[in-house]
């Protein structure tokens, strides 16, 4: 849940300078970005040997326009309330699971959300529930009891909504009307999000920040991991220095990703690779 993976990526038709199994290989998306960046230097456009160096230069000096020449489509699985935040990024194109056409009680699933407290100083921020007793308007609350009660309430609402949704469908009520009673924050959805690499860089810059709602930030960090797999030249842009062991453990807990350390033969110095093992 709250995950993203690349399902489509620009595949250049131009020949590169690599030979594999006796056949000329096509340019990679990275090489194609460098190719378009050299539009004013035609005699050197097919030079793929220095593509990585050029990309790092473009990133360092924030020359982003060549990154618009490559497009990336990701599949995102999240909840309906988070998808509403995602589709506000209008430089992308979207295709989302339709509750008017399909039955979400059959084709999607339902989740429960963790108990987080309202930040009294920032209305757009929430605070993790710790082990200490919580002071509230109704008195002191045990954190374990709060988590249990919050989870129970969500399950009760979900079961009730699903039962009444199925009743409505059996009565002949249209799906576009019956869906109104489903809790959007607990109902999962799937959407495809397509945009240029430049748009993805901007999206991740904005939504991977700590001020973003946790569930949405998890999506952005998952997208970032996917981008880095295919465009490792962006590693130093987002992560100038490797994380400490403590920062890495915090990342694992936050994203829910596995903590197996993996070494990439192609990128032996890319410490980020272990994040998306």
Protein backbone atom coordinates (compact mmCIF):
# COMPACT_ATOMS: atom_id res chain seq x y z
CA UNK A 1 0.00 0.00 0.00
CA UNK A 2 1.13 3.57 -0.78
CA UNK A 3 3.57 2.19 -3.31
CA UNK A 4 4.67 3.06 -6.84
CA UNK A 5 6.43 1.18 -9.62
CA UNK A 6 7.48 2.05 -13.15
CA UNK A 7 5.47 0.20 -15.78
CA UNK A 8 6.46 2.19 -18.88
CA UNK A 9 9.47 4.24 -19.89
CA UNK A 10 10.55 6.04 -23.06
CA UNK A 11 12.46 3.62 -25.29
CA UNK A 12 14.57 5.54 -27.86
CA UNK A 13 14.70 4.18 -31.40
CA UNK A 14 18.09 5.74 -32.13
CA UNK A 15 21.17 3.52 -32.22
CA UNK A 16 23.73 3.94 -29.48
CA UNK A 17 27.41 3.05 -29.68
CA UNK A 18 27.23 -0.25 -27.80
CA UNK A 19 27.34 -3.69 -29.42
CA UNK A 20 25.79 -6.69 -27.63
CA UNK A 21 25.67 -10.21 -29.05
CA UNK A 22 26.80 -8.77 -32.37
CA UNK A 23 23.88 -6.32 -32.56
CA UNK A 24 23.83 -2.55 -32.36
CA UNK A 25 22.07 -1.49 -29.16
CA UNK A 26 19.52 1.31 -28.98
CA UNK A 27 20.17 4.34 -26.84
CA UNK A 28 19.12 4.10 -23.22
CA UNK A 29 16.77 6.76 -21.81
CA UNK A 30 19.77 8.33 -20.04
CA UNK A 31 21.73 8.48 -23.29
CA UNK A 32 18.71 9.91 -25.09
CA UNK A 33 18.48 12.80 -22.59
CA UNK A 34 22.13 13.59 -23.31
CA UNK A 35 21.44 13.30 -27.05
CA UNK A 36 18.66 15.88 -26.91
CA UNK A 37 20.76 18.17 -24.69
CA UNK A 38 23.38 18.26 -27.47
CA UNK A 39 20.90 19.45 -30.09
CA UNK A 40 23.15 22.45 -30.79
CA UNK A 41 26.21 20.23 -31.14
CA UNK A 42 25.16 17.76 -33.88
CA UNK A 43 28.64 16.34 -34.48
CA UNK A 44 28.76 15.10 -30.88
CA UNK A 45 25.14 14.02 -30.39
CA UNK A 46 25.83 10.29 -30.71
CA UNK A 47 28.60 10.38 -28.12
CA UNK A 48 27.19 8.18 -25.39
CA UNK A 49 30.51 7.67 -23.61
CA UNK A 50 30.15 10.97 -21.77
CA UNK A 51 26.36 10.88 -21.34
CA UNK A 52 26.53 10.28 -17.57
CA UNK A 53 28.97 13.15 -17.12
CA UNK A 54 26.71 15.48 -19.09
CA UNK A 55 23.63 14.45 -17.11
CA UNK A 56 25.40 15.20 -13.83
CA UNK A 57 26.37 18.62 -15.19
CA UNK A 58 22.77 19.34 -16.22
CA UNK A 59 21.49 18.30 -12.79
CA UNK A 60 24.13 20.26 -10.90
CA UNK A 61 23.30 23.45 -12.81
CA UNK A 62 19.55 22.72 -12.87
CA UNK A 63 19.24 22.66 -16.64
CA UNK A 64 16.04 20.60 -16.55
CA UNK A 65 14.56 21.02 -20.05
CA UNK A 66 16.35 17.94 -21.55
CA UNK A 67 14.69 15.84 -18.84
CA UNK A 68 11.34 16.64 -20.44
CA UNK A 69 12.32 14.49 -23.43
CA UNK A 70 11.80 11.23 -21.50
CA UNK A 71 8.47 10.09 -20.08
CA UNK A 72 7.76 7.69 -17.21
CA UNK A 73 4.49 5.96 -16.29
CA UNK A 74 4.03 4.50 -12.82
CA UNK A 75 1.37 2.33 -11.25
CA UNK A 76 0.39 3.66 -7.85
CA UNK A 77 -1.61 1.81 -5.21
CA UNK A 78 -2.96 3.93 -2.39
CA UNK A 79 -6.26 5.08 -0.88
CA UNK A 80 -8.81 7.37 -2.53
CA UNK A 81 -8.07 10.36 -0.30
CA UNK A 82 -4.37 10.24 -1.16
CA UNK A 83 -5.09 9.83 -4.88
CA UNK A 84 -7.04 13.11 -4.69
CA UNK A 85 -3.85 14.80 -3.51
CA UNK A 86 -1.78 13.12 -6.23
CA UNK A 87 -3.96 14.21 -9.16
CA UNK A 88 -3.50 17.85 -8.17
CA UNK A 89 -0.13 17.62 -9.93
CA UNK A 90 -1.50 18.80 -13.24
CA UNK A 91 1.63 18.32 -15.38
CA UNK A 92 0.84 14.58 -15.30
CA UNK A 93 -1.80 12.50 -17.05
CA UNK A 94 -3.84 10.03 -14.97
CA UNK A 95 -5.95 6.93 -15.39
CA UNK A 96 -7.64 5.70 -12.20
CA UNK A 97 -9.79 2.75 -11.17
CA UNK A 98 -13.40 3.77 -11.80
CA UNK A 99 -15.95 3.17 -9.06
CA UNK A 100 -18.67 4.09 -11.57
CA UNK A 101 -17.73 1.12 -13.77
CA UNK A 102 -16.35 -1.51 -11.37
CA UNK A 103 -17.24 -2.77 -7.90
CA UNK A 104 -14.54 -1.70 -5.41
CA UNK A 105 -15.74 -4.24 -2.84
CA UNK A 106 -14.73 -6.96 -5.31
CA UNK A 107 -11.84 -5.48 -7.29
CA UNK A 108 -10.18 -3.30 -4.66
CA UNK A 109 -9.63 -3.72 -0.93
CA UNK A 110 -10.05 -1.83 2.32
CA UNK A 111 -7.45 -0.80 4.87
CA UNK A 112 -7.25 0.66 8.35
CA UNK A 113 -5.21 3.78 9.04
CA UNK A 114 -2.77 4.21 11.89
CA UNK A 115 -3.64 6.40 14.85
CA UNK A 116 -1.74 9.68 14.66
CA UNK A 117 -2.37 12.77 16.77
CA UNK A 118 -3.12 16.28 15.55
CA UNK A 119 -0.17 18.64 15.79
CA UNK A 120 -1.43 21.59 17.83
CA UNK A 121 1.10 23.93 16.18
CA UNK A 122 0.59 22.87 12.56
CA UNK A 123 -2.85 21.99 11.22
CA UNK A 124 -1.27 20.18 8.25
CA UNK A 125 0.86 17.90 10.41
CA UNK A 126 0.23 14.80 12.53
CA UNK A 127 2.26 13.22 15.30
CA UNK A 128 3.09 9.56 15.82
CA UNK A 129 1.57 7.90 18.88
CA UNK A 130 4.30 6.92 21.32
CA UNK A 131 4.26 4.89 24.53
CA UNK A 132 3.35 7.74 26.85
CA UNK A 133 -0.15 8.44 28.15
CA UNK A 134 -2.03 10.88 25.92
CA UNK A 135 -3.80 13.90 27.38
CA UNK A 136 -7.07 14.68 25.60
CA UNK A 137 -10.28 16.65 26.11
CA UNK A 138 -11.87 13.55 27.63
CA UNK A 139 -8.96 12.80 29.97
CA UNK A 140 -5.82 10.68 29.84
CA UNK A 141 -5.75 7.89 27.24
CA UNK A 142 -3.58 4.80 27.10
CA UNK A 143 -1.82 4.73 23.66
CA UNK A 144 -2.44 1.01 23.16
CA UNK A 145 -6.11 1.48 23.97
CA UNK A 146 -6.32 4.40 21.55
CA UNK A 147 -4.81 2.38 18.72
CA UNK A 148 -7.17 -0.52 19.39
CA UNK A 149 -10.24 1.71 19.58
CA UNK A 150 -9.30 3.62 16.41
CA UNK A 151 -8.72 0.38 14.52
CA UNK A 152 -12.01 -1.09 15.76
CA UNK A 153 -13.99 1.99 14.70
CA UNK A 154 -12.53 1.87 11.20
CA UNK A 155 -13.28 -1.84 10.81
CA UNK A 156 -16.85 -1.24 12.01
CA UNK A 157 -17.40 1.56 9.52
CA UNK A 158 -15.85 -0.41 6.66
CA UNK A 159 -17.97 -3.52 7.31
CA UNK A 160 -21.14 -1.45 7.63
CA UNK A 161 -20.41 0.52 4.44
CA UNK A 162 -19.58 -2.63 2.46
CA UNK A 163 -22.79 -4.34 3.60
CA UNK A 164 -24.95 -1.36 2.67
CA UNK A 165 -23.10 -0.93 -0.64
CA UNK A 166 -23.86 -4.53 -1.57
CA UNK A 167 -27.48 -4.01 -0.51
CA UNK A 168 -27.71 -0.93 -2.73
CA UNK A 169 -26.29 -2.81 -5.71
CA UNK A 170 -28.77 -5.65 -5.14
CA UNK A 171 -31.60 -3.08 -5.17
CA UNK A 172 -30.43 -1.87 -8.58
CA UNK A 173 -28.81 1.36 -7.34
CA UNK A 174 -26.14 2.53 -9.83
CA UNK A 175 -22.51 2.10 -8.81
CA UNK A 176 -21.93 5.82 -9.25
CA UNK A 177 -24.48 6.42 -6.49
CA UNK A 178 -23.75 3.43 -4.27
CA UNK A 179 -20.04 4.40 -4.04
CA UNK A 180 -21.00 7.55 -2.11
CA UNK A 181 -21.26 5.60 1.15
CA UNK A 182 -17.80 4.02 0.93
CA UNK A 183 -15.15 5.62 3.19
CA UNK A 184 -12.62 7.04 0.71
CA UNK A 185 -9.80 7.11 3.27
CA UNK A 186 -10.19 3.37 3.83
CA UNK A 187 -10.96 2.34 0.23
CA UNK A 188 -7.94 1.47 -1.92
CA UNK A 189 -7.48 2.56 -5.50
CA UNK A 190 -5.07 2.03 -8.35
CA UNK A 191 -3.99 4.72 -10.77
CA UNK A 192 -1.50 5.19 -13.56
CA UNK A 193 0.47 8.42 -13.47
CA UNK A 194 2.39 9.50 -16.55
CA UNK A 195 4.68 12.47 -17.03
CA UNK A 196 8.09 13.63 -18.10
CA UNK A 197 11.13 12.87 -15.98
CA UNK A 198 11.30 16.57 -15.14
CA UNK A 199 7.75 16.42 -13.76
CA UNK A 200 8.66 13.39 -11.66
CA UNK A 201 11.70 15.19 -10.26
CA UNK A 202 9.53 18.15 -9.25
CA UNK A 203 6.82 15.90 -7.80
CA UNK A 204 9.34 14.04 -5.66
CA UNK A 205 11.03 17.28 -4.58
CA UNK A 206 7.67 18.51 -3.27
CA UNK A 207 6.05 15.34 -1.92
CA UNK A 208 9.06 13.59 -0.37
CA UNK A 209 9.41 16.46 2.09
CA UNK A 210 8.46 15.95 5.74
CA UNK A 211 5.57 18.43 5.47
CA UNK A 212 3.70 16.04 3.18
CA UNK A 213 1.11 13.68 4.67
CA UNK A 214 2.86 10.45 5.62
CA UNK A 215 0.89 8.19 3.27
CA UNK A 216 1.52 10.47 0.31
CA UNK A 217 5.19 10.80 1.22
CA UNK A 218 5.47 7.01 1.15
CA UNK A 219 4.21 7.07 -2.45
CA UNK A 220 6.72 9.79 -3.38
CA UNK A 221 9.64 7.93 -1.82
CA UNK A 222 8.64 4.74 -3.60
CA UNK A 223 8.53 6.71 -6.87
CA UNK A 224 11.93 8.15 -6.07
CA UNK A 225 13.34 4.65 -5.64
CA UNK A 226 11.97 3.64 -9.02
CA UNK A 227 13.43 6.71 -10.70
CA UNK A 228 16.86 6.11 -9.18
CA UNK A 229 16.94 2.56 -10.49
CA UNK A 230 16.73 3.86 -14.04
CA UNK A 231 18.39 7.27 -13.63
CA UNK A 232 21.23 6.84 -11.11
CA UNK A 233 22.70 10.21 -12.08
CA UNK A 234 20.01 11.76 -9.86
CA UNK A 235 21.38 10.03 -6.75
CA UNK A 236 23.67 12.84 -5.67
CA UNK A 237 20.97 15.42 -6.38
CA UNK A 238 18.60 13.90 -3.83
CA UNK A 239 21.20 12.31 -1.53
CA UNK A 240 24.50 14.27 -1.54
CA UNK A 241 25.78 12.06 1.29
CA UNK A 242 24.93 8.46 2.25
CA UNK A 243 22.57 8.06 5.21
CA UNK A 244 23.81 6.98 8.60
CA UNK A 245 22.74 3.51 9.85
CA UNK A 246 20.19 5.26 12.08
CA UNK A 247 18.74 7.24 9.16
CA UNK A 248 18.56 4.08 7.09
CA UNK A 249 16.67 2.17 9.80
CA UNK A 250 14.27 5.10 10.13
CA UNK A 251 13.72 5.02 6.35
CA UNK A 252 12.98 1.29 6.45
CA UNK A 253 10.43 1.74 9.24
CA UNK A 254 8.82 4.69 7.45
CA UNK A 255 8.45 3.12 4.03
CA UNK A 256 7.87 -0.49 5.04
CA UNK A 257 10.53 -1.62 2.56
CA UNK A 258 12.78 -4.58 3.29
CA UNK A 259 16.12 -3.83 4.88
CA UNK A 260 18.18 -6.35 2.96
CA UNK A 261 21.36 -4.71 1.71
CA UNK A 262 21.90 -5.38 -1.96
CA UNK A 263 24.98 -4.60 -4.00
CA UNK A 264 24.45 -3.59 -7.59
CA UNK A 265 27.18 -4.84 -9.92
CA UNK A 266 26.43 -1.97 -12.29
CA UNK A 267 26.42 0.66 -9.54
CA UNK A 268 28.79 -0.64 -6.83
CA UNK A 269 29.04 2.76 -5.14
CA UNK A 270 25.35 3.58 -5.25
CA UNK A 271 24.41 3.13 -1.61
CA UNK A 272 20.80 3.99 -2.42
CA UNK A 273 20.40 0.63 -4.18
CA UNK A 274 19.94 -1.09 -0.83
CA UNK A 275 16.77 0.95 -0.25
CA UNK A 276 14.88 -0.72 -3.05
CA UNK A 277 16.03 -4.30 -2.73
